[in-house]
């Protein structure tokens, strides 16, 4: 039997077994380490800056719709690559 849950509009949506929850703590630890390097940034600022650094490294500039699509669809390994690009772009002493 498939697992279903209501989304925010009350529609039923399949939520099946999905991806492993084990991927979450290591990713959050890496993101947390980056945030400690830049504690003056708010969470949203850091997320947007990390993604922007990744985009500049990979593609140059993009429109806001594409930016939002990337924000939605990036996998954890791509976020790790994005964090590396951010560190390279915004090195500080």
C-alpha atoms as a PDB file:
ATOM      1  CA  UNK A   1       0.000   0.000   0.000  1.00  0.00           C
ATOM      2  CA  UNK A   2       1.274   3.450  -0.888  1.00  0.00           C
ATOM      3  CA  UNK A   3       1.662   6.206   1.704  1.00  0.00           C
ATOM      4  CA  UNK A   4      -0.241   9.419   1.130  1.00  0.00           C
ATOM      5  CA  UNK A   5      -0.429  12.713   2.994  1.00  0.00           C
ATOM      6  CA  UNK A   6      -2.311  15.939   2.469  1.00  0.00           C
ATOM      7  CA  UNK A   7      -0.326  18.832   1.054  1.00  0.00           C
ATOM      8  CA  UNK A   8      -0.873  22.404   2.218  1.00  0.00           C
ATOM      9  CA  UNK A   9      -3.914  22.707  -0.068  1.00  0.00           C
ATOM     10  CA  UNK A  10      -5.516  19.537   1.256  1.00  0.00           C
ATOM     11  CA  UNK A  11      -4.708  17.448  -1.826  1.00  0.00           C
ATOM     12  CA  UNK A  12      -3.463  13.896  -1.377  1.00  0.00           C
ATOM     13  CA  UNK A  13       0.123  13.435  -2.412  1.00  0.00           C
ATOM     14  CA  UNK A  14       2.251  10.275  -2.500  1.00  0.00           C
ATOM     15  CA  UNK A  15       4.989  10.434   0.107  1.00  0.00           C
ATOM     16  CA  UNK A  16       6.292   6.869  -0.298  1.00  0.00           C
ATOM     17  CA  UNK A  17       9.527   5.637   1.176  1.00  0.00           C
ATOM     18  CA  UNK A  18      11.480   8.426  -0.515  1.00  0.00           C
ATOM     19  CA  UNK A  19      15.091   9.170   0.227  1.00  0.00           C
ATOM     20  CA  UNK A  20      17.016   8.148   3.302  1.00  0.00           C
ATOM     21  CA  UNK A  21      16.849  10.474   6.283  1.00  0.00           C
ATOM     22  CA  UNK A  22      20.456   9.494   7.043  1.00  0.00           C
ATOM     23  CA  UNK A  23      21.664  12.032   4.473  1.00  0.00           C
ATOM     24  CA  UNK A  24      20.344  14.972   6.517  1.00  0.00           C
ATOM     25  CA  UNK A  25      22.677  15.182   9.574  1.00  0.00           C
ATOM     26  CA  UNK A  26      25.957  15.107   7.592  1.00  0.00           C
ATOM     27  CA  UNK A  27      24.670  17.765   5.211  1.00  0.00           C
ATOM     28  CA  UNK A  28      23.443  20.022   8.024  1.00  0.00           C
ATOM     29  CA  UNK A  29      26.777  19.618   9.783  1.00  0.00           C
ATOM     30  CA  UNK A  30      28.622  20.815   6.662  1.00  0.00           C
ATOM     31  CA  UNK A  31      26.231  23.719   6.200  1.00  0.00           C
ATOM     32  CA  UNK A  32      26.542  24.585   9.895  1.00  0.00           C
ATOM     33  CA  UNK A  33      30.341  24.684   9.625  1.00  0.00           C
ATOM     34  CA  UNK A  34      30.025  27.147   6.754  1.00  0.00           C
ATOM     35  CA  UNK A  35      27.570  29.281   8.716  1.00  0.00           C
ATOM     36  CA  UNK A  36      30.005  29.441  11.633  1.00  0.00           C
ATOM     37  CA  UNK A  37      32.565  30.872   9.192  1.00  0.00           C
ATOM     38  CA  UNK A  38      30.081  33.627   8.241  1.00  0.00           C
ATOM     39  CA  UNK A  39      28.028  34.170  11.427  1.00  0.00           C
ATOM     40  CA  UNK A  40      26.913  37.677  10.463  1.00  0.00           C
ATOM     41  CA  UNK A  41      24.831  36.313   7.581  1.00  0.00           C
ATOM     42  CA  UNK A  42      21.252  35.399   8.200  1.00  0.00           C
ATOM     43  CA  UNK A  43      20.219  31.910   7.041  1.00  0.00           C
ATOM     44  CA  UNK A  44      18.470  33.144   3.885  1.00  0.00           C
ATOM     45  CA  UNK A  45      21.407  35.371   2.977  1.00  0.00           C
ATOM     46  CA  UNK A  46      23.817  32.474   3.267  1.00  0.00           C
ATOM     47  CA  UNK A  47      21.609  30.144   1.212  1.00  0.00           C
ATOM     48  CA  UNK A  48      21.213  32.726  -1.552  1.00  0.00           C
ATOM     49  CA  UNK A  49      24.915  33.624  -1.544  1.00  0.00           C
ATOM     50  CA  UNK A  50      25.980  29.974  -1.671  1.00  0.00           C
ATOM     51  CA  UNK A  51      23.635  29.282  -4.569  1.00  0.00           C
ATOM     52  CA  UNK A  52      24.728  32.464  -6.374  1.00  0.00           C
ATOM     53  CA  UNK A  53      28.405  31.455  -6.088  1.00  0.00           C
ATOM     54  CA  UNK A  54      27.556  28.032  -7.509  1.00  0.00           C
ATOM     55  CA  UNK A  55      25.635  29.566 -10.407  1.00  0.00           C
ATOM     56  CA  UNK A  56      28.415  32.001 -11.243  1.00  0.00           C
ATOM     57  CA  UNK A  57      30.952  29.184 -11.265  1.00  0.00           C
ATOM     58  CA  UNK A  58      28.804  26.872 -13.399  1.00  0.00           C
ATOM     59  CA  UNK A  59      26.698  29.113 -15.616  1.00  0.00           C
ATOM     60  CA  UNK A  60      27.449  32.802 -15.212  1.00  0.00           C
ATOM     61  CA  UNK A  61      24.216  34.697 -14.647  1.00  0.00           C
ATOM     62  CA  UNK A  62      20.643  33.437 -14.810  1.00  0.00           C
ATOM     63  CA  UNK A  63      17.155  34.841 -14.408  1.00  0.00           C
ATOM     64  CA  UNK A  64      15.194  34.679 -11.140  1.00  0.00           C
ATOM     65  CA  UNK A  65      12.911  31.874 -12.350  1.00  0.00           C
ATOM     66  CA  UNK A  66      15.883  29.641 -13.123  1.00  0.00           C
ATOM     67  CA  UNK A  67      17.447  30.621  -9.787  1.00  0.00           C
ATOM     68  CA  UNK A  68      14.296  29.522  -7.965  1.00  0.00           C
ATOM     69  CA  UNK A  69      14.184  26.252  -9.923  1.00  0.00           C
ATOM     70  CA  UNK A  70      17.777  25.507  -8.933  1.00  0.00           C
ATOM     71  CA  UNK A  71      17.031  26.357  -5.308  1.00  0.00           C
ATOM     72  CA  UNK A  72      14.180  23.853  -5.389  1.00  0.00           C
ATOM     73  CA  UNK A  73      15.996  21.058  -7.263  1.00  0.00           C
ATOM     74  CA  UNK A  74      19.622  21.019  -6.083  1.00  0.00           C
ATOM     75  CA  UNK A  75      20.658  17.741  -4.470  1.00  0.00           C
ATOM     76  CA  UNK A  76      22.844  17.631  -1.369  1.00  0.00           C
ATOM     77  CA  UNK A  77      26.010  16.818  -3.316  1.00  0.00           C
ATOM     78  CA  UNK A  78      25.397  19.871  -5.512  1.00  0.00           C
ATOM     79  CA  UNK A  79      24.861  22.025  -2.393  1.00  0.00           C
ATOM     80  CA  UNK A  80      28.228  20.771  -1.124  1.00  0.00           C
ATOM     81  CA  UNK A  81      29.778  21.833  -4.423  1.00  0.00           C
ATOM     82  CA  UNK A  82      28.001  25.181  -4.051  1.00  0.00           C
ATOM     83  CA  UNK A  83      29.427  25.640  -0.539  1.00  0.00           C
ATOM     84  CA  UNK A  84      32.904  24.995  -1.929  1.00  0.00           C
ATOM     85  CA  UNK A  85      32.345  27.591  -4.677  1.00  0.00           C
ATOM     86  CA  UNK A  86      31.136  30.082  -2.057  1.00  0.00           C
ATOM     87  CA  UNK A  87      34.220  29.524   0.095  1.00  0.00           C
ATOM     88  CA  UNK A  88      36.470  30.054  -2.919  1.00  0.00           C
ATOM     89  CA  UNK A  89      34.641  33.204  -3.974  1.00  0.00           C
ATOM     90  CA  UNK A  90      34.363  34.787  -0.523  1.00  0.00           C
ATOM     91  CA  UNK A  91      37.611  33.837   1.177  1.00  0.00           C
ATOM     92  CA  UNK A  92      38.270  35.780   4.340  1.00  0.00           C
ATOM     93  CA  UNK A  93      41.115  35.842   6.828  1.00  0.00           C
END
